[in-house]
């Protein structure tokens, strides 16, 4: 096998955060490791709580640069614009091309933006990702909620877990300032949380309405102009701003690769987490698609892939066998409802209340504290 010394990690997602904290293990096997990332790691698990006022922005982000450099890795703060697999080079927005022998992509995902609602550059249209935009939305809303001026009317598009959580935390932000909520949730399905047990969907719908949200279900958003959202049944919703929770798709960079992929799900990978057509190119998290065992775009899967990815990069450096990743069939998902309560979902099981939110906060703080502690060792 050709000598492998240059390992490049693109993106600071859940899995690469783990690699940054353990990069000395790759260096010990003779690798020079570089992380390419445009900025901080923002934790999606606390994003809605940050929008609702539970967390400050600095509580929801980490610095992967400190983790890498503390253990001998390098960092290039930039964005990859294209990948030349033949020459094994990355073309960056603001730096010279970067060569690699092994490449790992942990790019996350983007919110699907229907062109009929949000052409590129449309103001007053927000999305669940990137997470730092939710902090900007909160700042903008607070600047109005703290005054006597009427706050904007908001419409959240999407009745899945993300749409529910964002709606609940927008209500929480209004409640913190003693203002009457002006939030409408629009969902395609006839019920909220269509993938969850019916009882959970009914309970959360009642909870949101009791707190003042308006629900428009079994409805599709067809067009938007400032002040008015048009639905497919001809009705209208008053909306000065939109918040999109319309599902996640792979980043545009993935589509530029001449490798097997799904237009929405991401780059096809083997159970060993590399492309079936390019064993030098690994991909994990939301930007990857394990066709043999598809998994949803949730951070828990990036976390579970992290030790397998690290072990397989070590194996490639030492010409050893790779190990497979087996995604779990059942997983725990907990929604922060912004009112001191959570909604926990695991398969067909669900429970709600303060204990569910306590568990979510415990898990989220434990995850963040792990890497803050790693950072403190610098």
Foldseek 3Di string as FASTA:
>chain_A
DDAFAEEEEEDDAQQVLLCLLVVLLVVVLRHAYEYEAQFWYFALLCLLVCLLPNDPRVLGTDGSCLSNVVNPHHYDNFHFPAADPVQQWTDTDPDHIDHGQFYEYAHAWDFDDPCQADPPPDPQEAESPPSVVSNVVSVVQCVQLQDPDDGFAEEEEAQAQVSLLNLLSQLSNNVVSPHQHRYEYEHLAQWHRVVAAPVLRVVSVVVSVVSPYHYHYNWDFRHDDQQWTAIPVGDIGGGRHYYYPRDIAADPRQVNDPADDDRGQAAEDEQLQAGPVDNRYGYFARRYADPVAGDGRDSVRSNQCNVQNVVQSSCVNVVHDHDGRDDDPWDWDWRDSSPQKIWIGIRHDIDMGNVSVVVSVVVVSVSVVVSVVSSVVD
